[in-house]
Amino acid sequence: KMLIIMASMTAFAEISRLLPRIPPAEFQHRIGRLPVVLVLLCRPNEQLCQRLETELASAASLLAAERSPCALRLVDVSEPGGESLRSKYSVSGAAVMLIFQHGTHTVYDGIRRAPNVVEHLRGLTSSGKTSTSYA
């Protein structure tokens, strides 16, 4: 049992490293500093959010390996300030993915699997839609 608990804790730590969480109160400030970011707005205790968090952590790992300028983040909308974000971005379901490019956003409505997310984000940066990169 202890080995299973330790493995779960290690997996959670890795997901948290690959898919950093942004508190709702810091959302506008922190998102605005990134050229291209996919944000998952959800409640982490819900099953759909947990599944998407795992997929996005995998996508983040793939993007990091190729030094992509794209970032992925999670915002827990159950925290203070989360309801105003849900309202501002018309989040009506359990989870929504938004892509922000230099302050403007679109809803990501593609397939929610890591390879598909990566392919979509690669398309945004390789098409010349953004020229800013960061380490």
N, C-alpha and C. Protein backbone atom coordinates (compact mmCIF):
# COMPACT_ATOMS: atom_id res chain seq x y z
N LYS A 1 0.82 -1.19 0.00
CA LYS A 1 0.00 0.00 0.00
C LYS A 1 0.86 1.25 0.00
N MET A 2 1.91 1.26 0.78
CA MET A 2 2.77 2.44 0.87
C MET A 2 3.41 2.74 -0.48
N LEU A 3 3.79 1.71 -1.22
CA LEU A 3 4.40 1.90 -2.53
C LEU A 3 3.40 2.53 -3.50
N ILE A 4 2.15 2.13 -3.44
CA ILE A 4 1.11 2.70 -4.30
C ILE A 4 0.89 4.17 -3.95
N ILE A 5 0.85 4.48 -2.67
CA ILE A 5 0.67 5.87 -2.24
C ILE A 5 1.84 6.73 -2.71
N MET A 6 3.06 6.22 -2.57
CA MET A 6 4.23 6.97 -3.00
C MET A 6 4.23 7.17 -4.51
N ALA A 7 3.82 6.17 -5.26
CA ALA A 7 3.75 6.29 -6.72
C ALA A 7 2.71 7.32 -7.12
N SER A 8 1.57 7.33 -6.44
CA SER A 8 0.53 8.31 -6.72
C SER A 8 1.01 9.73 -6.42
N MET A 9 1.73 9.90 -5.32
CA MET A 9 2.25 11.22 -4.96
C MET A 9 3.28 11.68 -5.99
N THR A 10 4.11 10.78 -6.45
CA THR A 10 5.11 11.12 -7.46
C THR A 10 4.44 11.51 -8.77
N ALA A 11 3.41 10.78 -9.17
CA ALA A 11 2.68 11.09 -10.40
C ALA A 11 2.01 12.45 -10.28
N PHE A 12 1.40 12.75 -9.13
CA PHE A 12 0.77 14.04 -8.93
C PHE A 12 1.79 15.17 -9.00
N ALA A 13 2.95 14.98 -8.40
CA ALA A 13 4.00 16.00 -8.42
C ALA A 13 4.47 16.26 -9.85
N GLU A 14 4.59 15.22 -10.64
CA GLU A 14 5.02 15.37 -12.04
C GLU A 14 3.97 16.11 -12.84
N ILE A 15 2.70 15.78 -12.66
CA ILE A 15 1.62 16.48 -13.36
C ILE A 15 1.62 17.95 -12.96
N SER A 16 1.79 18.24 -11.68
CA SER A 16 1.80 19.63 -11.21
C SER A 16 2.97 20.41 -11.79
N ARG A 17 4.10 19.74 -11.99
CA ARG A 17 5.27 20.41 -12.57
C ARG A 17 5.02 20.72 -14.04
N LEU A 18 4.43 19.77 -14.76
CA LEU A 18 4.21 19.93 -16.19
C LEU A 18 3.02 20.84 -16.51
N LEU A 19 2.04 20.86 -15.63
CA LEU A 19 0.83 21.65 -15.85
C LEU A 19 0.59 22.54 -14.63
N PRO A 20 1.34 23.64 -14.54
CA PRO A 20 1.22 24.51 -13.37
C PRO A 20 -0.19 25.07 -13.21
N ARG A 21 -0.57 25.25 -11.96
CA ARG A 21 -1.88 25.83 -11.65
C ARG A 21 -1.72 27.32 -11.41
N ILE A 22 -2.71 28.06 -11.90
CA ILE A 22 -2.74 29.51 -11.71
C ILE A 22 -3.96 29.82 -10.85
N PRO A 23 -3.76 30.51 -9.73
CA PRO A 23 -4.93 30.93 -8.94
C PRO A 23 -5.78 31.90 -9.75
N PRO A 24 -7.09 31.81 -9.65
CA PRO A 24 -7.96 32.73 -10.41
C PRO A 24 -7.60 34.20 -10.21
N ALA A 25 -7.19 34.57 -9.01
CA ALA A 25 -6.86 35.97 -8.73
C ALA A 25 -5.65 36.46 -9.53
N GLU A 26 -4.78 35.54 -9.96
CA GLU A 26 -3.57 35.90 -10.70
C GLU A 26 -3.71 35.64 -12.20
N PHE A 27 -4.86 35.16 -12.61
CA PHE A 27 -5.07 34.71 -13.99
C PHE A 27 -4.68 35.75 -15.04
N GLN A 28 -5.30 36.91 -15.00
CA GLN A 28 -5.07 37.93 -16.03
C GLN A 28 -3.60 38.33 -16.12
N HIS A 29 -2.99 38.54 -14.98
CA HIS A 29 -1.58 38.96 -14.95
C HIS A 29 -0.66 37.89 -15.54
N ARG A 30 -0.85 36.66 -15.13
CA ARG A 30 0.07 35.60 -15.54
C ARG A 30 -0.16 35.14 -16.97
N ILE A 31 -1.40 35.11 -17.42
CA ILE A 31 -1.68 34.68 -18.79
C ILE A 31 -1.16 35.71 -19.79
N GLY A 32 -1.28 36.97 -19.45
CA GLY A 32 -0.85 38.03 -20.34
C GLY A 32 0.64 38.04 -20.64
N ARG A 33 1.43 37.36 -19.83
CA ARG A 33 2.88 37.33 -20.04
C ARG A 33 3.32 36.23 -20.99
N LEU A 34 2.40 35.36 -21.39
CA LEU A 34 2.75 34.23 -22.24
C LEU A 34 2.26 34.45 -23.67
N PRO A 35 3.09 34.16 -24.67
CA PRO A 35 2.66 34.39 -26.05
C PRO A 35 1.54 33.47 -26.50
N VAL A 36 1.64 32.19 -26.19
CA VAL A 36 0.60 31.22 -26.54
C VAL A 36 0.42 30.28 -25.35
N VAL A 37 -0.80 30.21 -24.84
CA VAL A 37 -1.05 29.34 -23.69
C VAL A 37 -2.43 28.71 -23.82
N LEU A 38 -2.49 27.41 -23.57
CA LEU A 38 -3.76 26.71 -23.48
C LEU A 38 -4.08 26.57 -22.00
N VAL A 39 -5.25 27.03 -21.62
CA VAL A 39 -5.65 27.02 -20.21
C VAL A 39 -6.85 26.10 -20.04
N LEU A 40 -6.76 25.21 -19.07
CA LEU A 40 -7.87 24.36 -18.69
C LEU A 40 -8.54 24.99 -17.48
N LEU A 41 -9.78 25.43 -17.65
CA LEU A 41 -10.57 25.97 -16.55
C LEU A 41 -11.48 24.85 -16.07
N CYS A 42 -11.30 24.41 -14.84
CA CYS A 42 -12.12 23.30 -14.34
C CYS A 42 -12.04 23.22 -12.82
N ARG A 43 -12.74 22.24 -12.29
CA ARG A 43 -12.68 21.91 -10.86
C ARG A 43 -11.89 20.60 -10.75
N PRO A 44 -10.66 20.64 -10.21
CA PRO A 44 -9.80 19.46 -10.21
C PRO A 44 -10.35 18.22 -9.51
N ASN A 45 -11.36 18.37 -8.66
CA ASN A 45 -11.91 17.19 -7.99
C ASN A 45 -12.89 16.44 -8.89
N GLU A 46 -13.23 16.99 -10.05
CA GLU A 46 -14.15 16.31 -10.97
C GLU A 46 -13.37 15.36 -11.88
N GLN A 47 -13.98 14.23 -12.19
CA GLN A 47 -13.32 13.18 -12.96
C GLN A 47 -12.85 13.67 -14.33
N LEU A 48 -13.68 14.43 -15.04
CA LEU A 48 -13.29 14.93 -16.36
C LEU A 48 -12.05 15.81 -16.25
N CYS A 49 -12.00 16.66 -15.26
CA CYS A 49 -10.84 17.53 -15.08
C CYS A 49 -9.58 16.71 -14.81
N GLN A 50 -9.70 15.68 -14.01
CA GLN A 50 -8.54 14.83 -13.70
C GLN A 50 -8.02 14.15 -14.97
N ARG A 51 -8.94 13.68 -15.81
CA ARG A 51 -8.52 13.03 -17.06
C ARG A 51 -7.84 14.04 -17.99
N LEU A 52 -8.44 15.23 -18.11
CA LEU A 52 -7.86 16.26 -18.97
C LEU A 52 -6.53 16.76 -18.43
N GLU A 53 -6.41 16.85 -17.13
CA GLU A 53 -5.16 17.28 -16.52
C GLU A 53 -4.03 16.32 -16.89
N THR A 54 -4.31 15.03 -16.87
CA THR A 54 -3.32 14.02 -17.25
C THR A 54 -2.95 14.16 -18.72
N GLU A 55 -3.94 14.35 -19.58
CA GLU A 55 -3.67 14.52 -21.02
C GLU A 55 -2.83 15.78 -21.27
N LEU A 56 -3.18 16.87 -20.62
CA LEU A 56 -2.44 18.11 -20.83
C LEU A 56 -1.03 18.05 -20.26
N ALA A 57 -0.83 17.31 -19.19
CA ALA A 57 0.52 17.11 -18.67
C ALA A 57 1.36 16.35 -19.69
N SER A 58 0.77 15.36 -20.34
CA SER A 58 1.47 14.63 -21.40
C SER A 58 1.79 15.55 -22.57
N ALA A 59 0.83 16.38 -22.95
CA ALA A 59 1.05 17.35 -24.03
C ALA A 59 2.16 18.32 -23.65
N ALA A 60 2.16 18.80 -22.42
CA ALA A 60 3.19 19.73 -21.96
C ALA A 60 4.57 19.09 -22.02
N SER A 61 4.64 17.83 -21.68
CA SER A 61 5.91 17.11 -21.74
C SER A 61 6.43 17.04 -23.17
N LEU A 62 5.55 16.74 -24.11
CA LEU A 62 5.94 16.68 -25.53
C LEU A 62 6.40 18.05 -26.02
N LEU A 63 5.65 19.10 -25.67
CA LEU A 63 6.01 20.45 -26.10
C LEU A 63 7.33 20.91 -25.47
N ALA A 64 7.54 20.57 -24.22
CA ALA A 64 8.78 20.95 -23.54
C ALA A 64 9.99 20.28 -24.19
N ALA A 65 9.82 19.04 -24.63
CA ALA A 65 10.92 18.30 -25.26
C ALA A 65 11.36 18.97 -26.56
N GLU A 66 10.46 19.64 -27.22
CA GLU A 66 10.83 20.31 -28.48
C GLU A 66 11.01 21.82 -28.30
N ARG A 67 11.04 22.27 -27.06
CA ARG A 67 11.25 23.68 -26.70
C ARG A 67 10.25 24.59 -27.40
N SER A 68 9.02 24.18 -27.39
CA SER A 68 7.93 24.94 -27.99
C SER A 68 7.66 26.21 -27.20
N PRO A 69 7.23 27.29 -27.87
CA PRO A 69 6.87 28.51 -27.15
C PRO A 69 5.50 28.44 -26.51
N CYS A 70 4.82 27.30 -26.63
CA CYS A 70 3.47 27.14 -26.08
C CYS A 70 3.54 26.69 -24.63
N ALA A 71 2.62 27.21 -23.84
CA ALA A 71 2.52 26.83 -22.44
C ALA A 71 1.13 26.25 -22.18
N LEU A 72 1.04 25.42 -21.16
CA LEU A 72 -0.25 24.87 -20.74
C LEU A 72 -0.41 25.14 -19.25
N ARG A 73 -1.61 25.54 -18.85
CA ARG A 73 -1.87 25.87 -17.45
C ARG A 73 -3.25 25.36 -17.05
N LEU A 74 -3.46 25.23 -15.74
CA LEU A 74 -4.74 24.84 -15.18
C LEU A 74 -5.19 25.91 -14.20
N VAL A 75 -6.47 26.24 -14.25
CA VAL A 75 -7.05 27.17 -13.28
C VAL A 75 -8.19 26.45 -12.58
N ASP A 76 -8.08 26.36 -11.26
CA ASP A 76 -9.11 25.73 -10.43
C ASP A 76 -10.21 26.76 -10.18
N VAL A 77 -11.33 26.61 -10.90
CA VAL A 77 -12.41 27.59 -10.79
C VAL A 77 -13.24 27.44 -9.52
N SER A 78 -12.90 26.46 -8.68
CA SER A 78 -13.59 26.34 -7.40
C SER A 78 -12.92 27.22 -6.34
N GLU A 79 -11.76 27.80 -6.66
CA GLU A 79 -11.08 28.71 -5.74
C GLU A 79 -11.73 30.09 -5.82
N PRO A 80 -11.46 30.95 -4.81
CA PRO A 80 -12.00 32.32 -4.85
C PRO A 80 -11.62 33.02 -6.16
N GLY A 81 -12.61 33.63 -6.78
CA GLY A 81 -12.40 34.30 -8.06
C GLY A 81 -12.70 33.43 -9.26
N GLY A 82 -12.85 32.14 -9.02
CA GLY A 82 -13.10 31.20 -10.10
C GLY A 82 -14.45 31.40 -10.78
N GLU A 83 -15.46 31.74 -10.00
CA GLU A 83 -16.80 31.93 -10.59
C GLU A 83 -16.82 33.12 -11.54
N SER A 84 -16.07 34.17 -11.23
CA SER A 84 -16.04 35.31 -12.15
C SER A 84 -15.34 34.93 -13.45
N LEU A 85 -14.32 34.08 -13.38
CA LEU A 85 -13.68 33.59 -14.61
C LEU A 85 -14.63 32.73 -15.42
N ARG A 86 -15.38 31.86 -14.72
CA ARG A 86 -16.36 31.02 -15.42
C ARG A 86 -17.37 31.89 -16.15
N SER A 87 -17.79 32.95 -15.51
CA SER A 87 -18.76 33.85 -16.12
C SER A 87 -18.14 34.62 -17.28
N LYS A 88 -16.95 35.17 -17.07
CA LYS A 88 -16.28 35.98 -18.09
C LYS A 88 -16.05 35.20 -19.38
N TYR A 89 -15.67 33.91 -19.24
CA TYR A 89 -15.36 33.10 -20.42
C TYR A 89 -16.47 32.12 -20.77
N SER A 90 -17.65 32.33 -20.21
CA SER A 90 -18.85 31.53 -20.52
C SER A 90 -18.62 30.03 -20.34
N VAL A 91 -18.01 29.67 -19.23
CA VAL A 91 -17.78 28.26 -18.92
C VAL A 91 -19.05 27.71 -18.30
N SER A 92 -19.73 26.85 -19.04
CA SER A 92 -20.97 26.30 -18.53
C SER A 92 -20.84 24.82 -18.18
N GLY A 93 -19.88 24.15 -18.76
CA GLY A 93 -19.69 22.72 -18.50
C GLY A 93 -18.70 22.48 -17.39
N ALA A 94 -18.30 21.22 -17.27
CA ALA A 94 -17.37 20.82 -16.22
C ALA A 94 -15.97 21.36 -16.46
N ALA A 95 -15.59 21.49 -17.73
CA ALA A 95 -14.24 21.93 -18.05
C ALA A 95 -14.24 22.56 -19.44
N VAL A 96 -13.42 23.58 -19.59
CA VAL A 96 -13.26 24.21 -20.91
C VAL A 96 -11.77 24.51 -21.11
N MET A 97 -11.34 24.37 -22.35
CA MET A 97 -9.97 24.72 -22.70
C MET A 97 -10.01 25.98 -23.55
N LEU A 98 -9.22 26.95 -23.16
CA LEU A 98 -9.13 28.21 -23.89
C LEU A 98 -7.69 28.41 -24.35
N ILE A 99 -7.53 28.93 -25.55
CA ILE A 99 -6.20 29.27 -26.06
C ILE A 99 -6.08 30.78 -26.08
N PHE A 100 -5.05 31.28 -25.42
CA PHE A 100 -4.78 32.72 -25.38
C PHE A 100 -3.53 33.00 -26.21
N GLN A 101 -3.64 33.98 -27.09
CA GLN A 101 -2.50 34.46 -27.86
C GLN A 101 -2.44 35.96 -27.70
N HIS A 102 -1.43 36.40 -26.95
CA HIS A 102 -1.21 37.82 -26.72
C HIS A 102 -2.48 38.53 -26.25
N GLY A 103 -3.19 37.91 -25.33
CA GLY A 103 -4.34 38.55 -24.71
C GLY A 103 -5.70 38.19 -25.29
N THR A 104 -5.76 37.72 -26.51
CA THR A 104 -7.05 37.32 -27.08
C THR A 104 -7.24 35.82 -26.90
N HIS A 105 -8.48 35.38 -26.83
CA HIS A 105 -8.72 33.96 -26.58
C HIS A 105 -9.72 33.37 -27.57
N THR A 106 -9.58 32.06 -27.74
CA THR A 106 -10.54 31.25 -28.49
C THR A 106 -10.77 29.98 -27.69
N VAL A 107 -11.90 29.37 -27.89
CA VAL A 107 -12.19 28.09 -27.23
C VAL A 107 -11.55 26.98 -28.05
N TYR A 108 -10.81 26.12 -27.37
CA TYR A 108 -10.26 24.94 -28.03
C TYR A 108 -11.36 23.88 -28.03
N ASP A 109 -11.82 23.51 -29.20
CA ASP A 109 -12.89 22.51 -29.28
C ASP A 109 -12.43 21.27 -30.05
N GLY A 110 -11.13 21.08 -30.12
CA GLY A 110 -10.57 19.91 -30.79
C GLY A 110 -10.60 18.68 -29.89
N ILE A 111 -10.00 17.64 -30.39
CA ILE A 111 -9.89 16.38 -29.63
C ILE A 111 -9.01 16.62 -28.41
N ARG A 112 -9.46 16.16 -27.28
CA ARG A 112 -8.79 16.44 -26.00
C ARG A 112 -7.81 15.35 -25.59
N ARG A 113 -7.02 14.93 -26.53
CA ARG A 113 -5.95 13.94 -26.28
C ARG A 113 -4.62 14.64 -26.52
N ALA A 114 -3.60 14.25 -25.79
CA ALA A 114 -2.30 14.93 -25.84
C ALA A 114 -1.78 15.12 -27.27
N PRO A 115 -1.73 14.09 -28.12
CA PRO A 115 -1.17 14.30 -29.46
C PRO A 115 -1.96 15.33 -30.28
N ASN A 116 -3.27 15.36 -30.11
CA ASN A 116 -4.09 16.30 -30.86
C ASN A 116 -3.89 17.74 -30.37
N VAL A 117 -3.78 17.90 -29.07
CA VAL A 117 -3.54 19.23 -28.49
C VAL A 117 -2.18 19.75 -28.98
N VAL A 118 -1.18 18.89 -28.93
CA VAL A 118 0.16 19.27 -29.38
C VAL A 118 0.14 19.68 -30.85
N GLU A 119 -0.51 18.88 -31.68
CA GLU A 119 -0.59 19.18 -33.11
C GLU A 119 -1.26 20.54 -33.34
N HIS A 120 -2.32 20.81 -32.62
CA HIS A 120 -3.02 22.08 -32.78
C HIS A 120 -2.13 23.25 -32.37
N LEU A 121 -1.46 23.14 -31.23
CA LEU A 121 -0.60 24.22 -30.76
C LEU A 121 0.60 24.41 -31.67
N ARG A 122 1.15 23.34 -32.19
CA ARG A 122 2.25 23.45 -33.16
C ARG A 122 1.78 24.25 -34.37
N GLY A 123 0.57 23.99 -34.83
CA GLY A 123 0.03 24.71 -35.97
C GLY A 123 -0.09 26.20 -35.72
N LEU A 124 -0.40 26.57 -34.49
CA LEU A 124 -0.50 27.99 -34.16
C LEU A 124 0.85 28.69 -34.22
N THR A 125 1.87 28.02 -33.78
CA THR A 125 3.19 28.66 -33.73
C THR A 125 3.96 28.51 -35.02
N SER A 126 3.74 27.46 -35.77
CA SER A 126 4.49 27.28 -37.02
C SER A 126 3.91 28.08 -38.16
N SER A 127 2.69 28.54 -38.02
CA SER A 127 2.06 29.28 -39.10
C SER A 127 2.40 30.77 -39.08
N GLY A 128 3.24 31.15 -38.12
CA GLY A 128 3.63 32.54 -38.04
C GLY A 128 2.65 33.40 -37.26
N LYS A 129 1.69 32.77 -36.60
CA LYS A 129 0.71 33.54 -35.83
C LYS A 129 1.32 34.12 -34.57
N THR A 130 2.45 33.59 -34.16
CA THR A 130 3.16 34.17 -33.04
C THR A 130 4.66 34.09 -33.33
N SER A 131 5.39 35.09 -32.96
CA SER A 131 6.81 35.08 -33.23
C SER A 131 7.61 35.18 -31.95
N THR A 132 6.94 35.25 -30.84
CA THR A 132 7.61 35.38 -29.55
C THR A 132 7.89 34.00 -28.98
N SER A 133 9.08 33.83 -28.43
CA SER A 133 9.37 32.57 -27.75
C SER A 133 9.93 32.90 -26.38
N TYR A 134 9.92 31.92 -25.53
CA TYR A 134 10.47 32.09 -24.18
C TYR A 134 11.07 30.79 -23.75
N ALA A 135 11.95 30.86 -22.80
CA ALA A 135 12.63 29.64 -22.32
C ALA A 135 11.84 28.98 -21.23
